[in-house]
Structures are given as structure tokens and as C-alpha cells.
Amino acid sequence: MYTSNQPKYDNVLKPTILCIAESSHYLVGVIDSAHNLLPLDPQGKVISCSSLVEAKMLLRNKGILVADIEYQTAYDEMCGNAERAPCLHVVQL
């Protein structure tokens, strides 16, 4: 039940590879409409991969054909640009 003091979300889950600047790993999961990174499997956990190729293969092996790659950096926050939307790239797997 939706009330006026709760945000309304459409529960869309998007397969996502999260890349953190200056990090040697890529996080693989799904992003919900509230921009939370969740595990691919409800009982699982967010998966860490050592390369972008490995992260793409993981999604492909799970039957996922399209995913977002989201690049995040602390530099925007340090320079006062934290309000800016993340850098996204949609890829065909």
C-alpha cells in the first residue's frame, strides 16, 4: 500500500556492473529503483570480479543479455559535485 509519506518505486531491477575508480575489482548485482545494489540471486550476495571481462561473462552465463556499467569516483564528491548522476554505459552481453 502506497502512502504519501513513502517514496513510490516501480521495483525495476537492472543488472549492473559497478566500477569504482582506482579499484581493482568490479561489483556485479542488480540496482533497484531506489538505487540500491542488490545480489543477483535473492539468497546470494553481490559478486566481486577482478576484471570487466569476468563480470560480463558472469552475467552472460546467467542468461543476462543487457547490463548497465556504472562508473563511480570519489573525486566528484570531493569537488562538490556529489549531486551529479552517475556515469552509465549500457552494454550488450
C-alpha atoms as a PDB file:
ATOM      1  CA  MET A   1       0.000   0.000   0.000  1.00  0.00           C
ATOM      2  CA  TYR A   2       1.390   3.387  -1.031  1.00  0.00           C
ATOM      3  CA  THR A   3       1.023   6.359   1.322  1.00  0.00           C
ATOM      4  CA  SER A   4       2.018   9.958   0.699  1.00  0.00           C
ATOM      5  CA  ASN A   5       4.986   9.830   3.141  1.00  0.00           C
ATOM      6  CA  GLN A   6       6.611   6.837   1.400  1.00  0.00           C
ATOM      7  CA  PRO A   7       8.511   7.116  -1.870  1.00  0.00           C
ATOM      8  CA  LYS A   8       6.865   5.261  -4.747  1.00  0.00           C
ATOM      9  CA  TYR A   9       9.203   2.870  -6.565  1.00  0.00           C
ATOM     10  CA  ASP A  10       8.402   0.651  -9.511  1.00  0.00           C
ATOM     11  CA  ASN A  11      10.624  -2.264  -8.355  1.00  0.00           C
ATOM     12  CA  VAL A  12      12.601  -2.432 -11.589  1.00  0.00           C
ATOM     13  CA  LEU A  13      15.844  -4.388 -11.153  1.00  0.00           C
ATOM     14  CA  LYS A  14      18.630  -3.626 -13.641  1.00  0.00           C
ATOM     15  CA  PRO A  15      21.669  -5.919 -13.973  1.00  0.00           C
ATOM     16  CA  THR A  16      24.656  -3.713 -13.172  1.00  0.00           C
ATOM     17  CA  ILE A  17      28.438  -3.846 -13.066  1.00  0.00           C
ATOM     18  CA  LEU A  18      29.693  -1.243 -10.619  1.00  0.00           C
ATOM     19  CA  CYS A  19      33.181   0.130 -11.316  1.00  0.00           C
ATOM     20  CA  ILE A  20      34.871   2.135  -8.597  1.00  0.00           C
ATOM     21  CA  ALA A  21      37.673   4.466  -9.699  1.00  0.00           C
ATOM     22  CA  GLU A  22      41.164   3.311  -8.691  1.00  0.00           C
ATOM     23  CA  SER A  23      39.864  -0.069  -7.553  1.00  0.00           C
ATOM     24  CA  SER A  24      40.935  -3.468  -8.794  1.00  0.00           C
ATOM     25  CA  HIS A  25      37.510  -5.093  -8.620  1.00  0.00           C
ATOM     26  CA  TYR A  26      34.069  -4.813 -10.199  1.00  0.00           C
ATOM     27  CA  LEU A  27      30.870  -5.418  -8.234  1.00  0.00           C
ATOM     28  CA  VAL A  28      28.117  -7.346 -10.021  1.00  0.00           C
ATOM     29  CA  GLY A  29      24.485  -7.268  -8.934  1.00  0.00           C
ATOM     30  CA  VAL A  30      21.213  -5.540  -9.704  1.00  0.00           C
ATOM     31  CA  ILE A  31      20.220  -1.947  -8.998  1.00  0.00           C
ATOM     32  CA  ASP A  32      16.676  -1.337  -7.790  1.00  0.00           C
ATOM     33  CA  SER A  33      14.649   1.816  -8.418  1.00  0.00           C
ATOM     34  CA  ALA A  34      15.917   3.291  -5.112  1.00  0.00           C
ATOM     35  CA  HIS A  35      19.484   2.885  -6.449  1.00  0.00           C
ATOM     36  CA  ASN A  36      20.458   0.090  -4.024  1.00  0.00           C
ATOM     37  CA  LEU A  37      22.939  -2.529  -5.249  1.00  0.00           C
ATOM     38  CA  LEU A  38      21.427  -5.953  -4.530  1.00  0.00           C
ATOM     39  CA  PRO A  39      22.617  -9.524  -5.201  1.00  0.00           C
ATOM     40  CA  LEU A  40      21.707 -11.232  -8.483  1.00  0.00           C
ATOM     41  CA  ASP A  41      20.144 -14.101  -6.520  1.00  0.00           C
ATOM     42  CA  PRO A  42      17.856 -13.361  -3.548  1.00  0.00           C
ATOM     43  CA  GLN A  43      19.825 -15.734  -1.275  1.00  0.00           C
ATOM     44  CA  GLY A  44      23.220 -14.696  -2.647  1.00  0.00           C
ATOM     45  CA  LYS A  45      25.474 -11.710  -2.246  1.00  0.00           C
ATOM     46  CA  VAL A  46      26.920  -9.061  -4.526  1.00  0.00           C
ATOM     47  CA  ILE A  47      29.743 -10.682  -6.519  1.00  0.00           C
ATOM     48  CA  SER A  48      33.214  -9.162  -6.845  1.00  0.00           C
ATOM     49  CA  CYS A  49      35.116  -9.784 -10.101  1.00  0.00           C
ATOM     50  CA  SER A  50      38.724  -8.955 -10.869  1.00  0.00           C
ATOM     51  CA  SER A  51      38.081  -7.688 -14.413  1.00  0.00           C
ATOM     52  CA  LEU A  52      35.342  -6.195 -16.551  1.00  0.00           C
ATOM     53  CA  VAL A  53      35.553  -9.186 -18.912  1.00  0.00           C
ATOM     54  CA  GLU A  54      34.986 -11.570 -15.980  1.00  0.00           C
ATOM     55  CA  ALA A  55      31.997  -9.505 -14.784  1.00  0.00           C
ATOM     56  CA  LYS A  56      30.421  -9.522 -18.264  1.00  0.00           C
ATOM     57  CA  MET A  57      30.942 -13.292 -18.600  1.00  0.00           C
ATOM     58  CA  LEU A  58      29.303 -13.871 -15.218  1.00  0.00           C
ATOM     59  CA  LEU A  59      26.173 -12.019 -16.340  1.00  0.00           C
ATOM     60  CA  ARG A  60      26.188 -13.703 -19.758  1.00  0.00           C
ATOM     61  CA  ASN A  61      26.426 -17.140 -18.092  1.00  0.00           C
ATOM     62  CA  LYS A  62      23.315 -16.271 -16.060  1.00  0.00           C
ATOM     63  CA  GLY A  63      21.396 -15.541 -19.274  1.00  0.00           C
ATOM     64  CA  ILE A  64      21.525 -11.761 -18.935  1.00  0.00           C
ATOM     65  CA  LEU A  65      21.961 -10.072 -22.325  1.00  0.00           C
ATOM     66  CA  VAL A  66      21.988  -6.346 -21.418  1.00  0.00           C
ATOM     67  CA  ALA A  67      23.518  -4.643 -18.376  1.00  0.00           C
ATOM     68  CA  ASP A  68      24.475  -1.199 -17.119  1.00  0.00           C
ATOM     69  CA  ILE A  69      28.072  -0.395 -16.301  1.00  0.00           C
ATOM     70  CA  GLU A  70      28.145   2.340 -13.668  1.00  0.00           C
ATOM     71  CA  TYR A  71      31.371   4.221 -13.030  1.00  0.00           C
ATOM     72  CA  GLN A  72      31.774   5.865  -9.629  1.00  0.00           C
ATOM     73  CA  THR A  73      34.529   8.096  -8.342  1.00  0.00           C
ATOM     74  CA  ALA A  74      35.153   9.912  -5.069  1.00  0.00           C
ATOM     75  CA  TYR A  75      36.505  12.921  -6.971  1.00  0.00           C
ATOM     76  CA  ASP A  76      33.021  14.301  -7.714  1.00  0.00           C
ATOM     77  CA  GLU A  77      32.120  14.234  -4.037  1.00  0.00           C
ATOM     78  CA  MET A  78      35.426  15.846  -3.038  1.00  0.00           C
ATOM     79  CA  CYS A  79      34.897  18.644  -5.576  1.00  0.00           C
ATOM     80  CA  GLY A  80      31.301  19.278  -4.525  1.00  0.00           C
ATOM     81  CA  ASN A  81      29.598  17.572  -7.472  1.00  0.00           C
ATOM     82  CA  ALA A  82      28.004  14.713  -5.489  1.00  0.00           C
ATOM     83  CA  GLU A  83      24.530  15.623  -6.773  1.00  0.00           C
ATOM     84  CA  ARG A  84      25.502  14.695 -10.331  1.00  0.00           C
ATOM     85  CA  ALA A  85      24.057  11.469 -11.760  1.00  0.00           C
ATOM     86  CA  PRO A  86      26.489   8.532 -12.072  1.00  0.00           C
ATOM     87  CA  CYS A  87      28.203   7.810 -15.373  1.00  0.00           C
ATOM     88  CA  LEU A  88      26.302   4.918 -17.008  1.00  0.00           C
ATOM     89  CA  HIS A  89      27.012   2.839 -20.076  1.00  0.00           C
ATOM     90  CA  VAL A  90      24.552   0.204 -21.351  1.00  0.00           C
ATOM     91  CA  VAL A  91      26.237  -2.837 -22.904  1.00  0.00           C
ATOM     92  CA  GLN A  92      25.002  -5.797 -24.905  1.00  0.00           C
ATOM     93  CA  LEU A  93      26.424  -9.006 -23.499  1.00  0.00           C
END
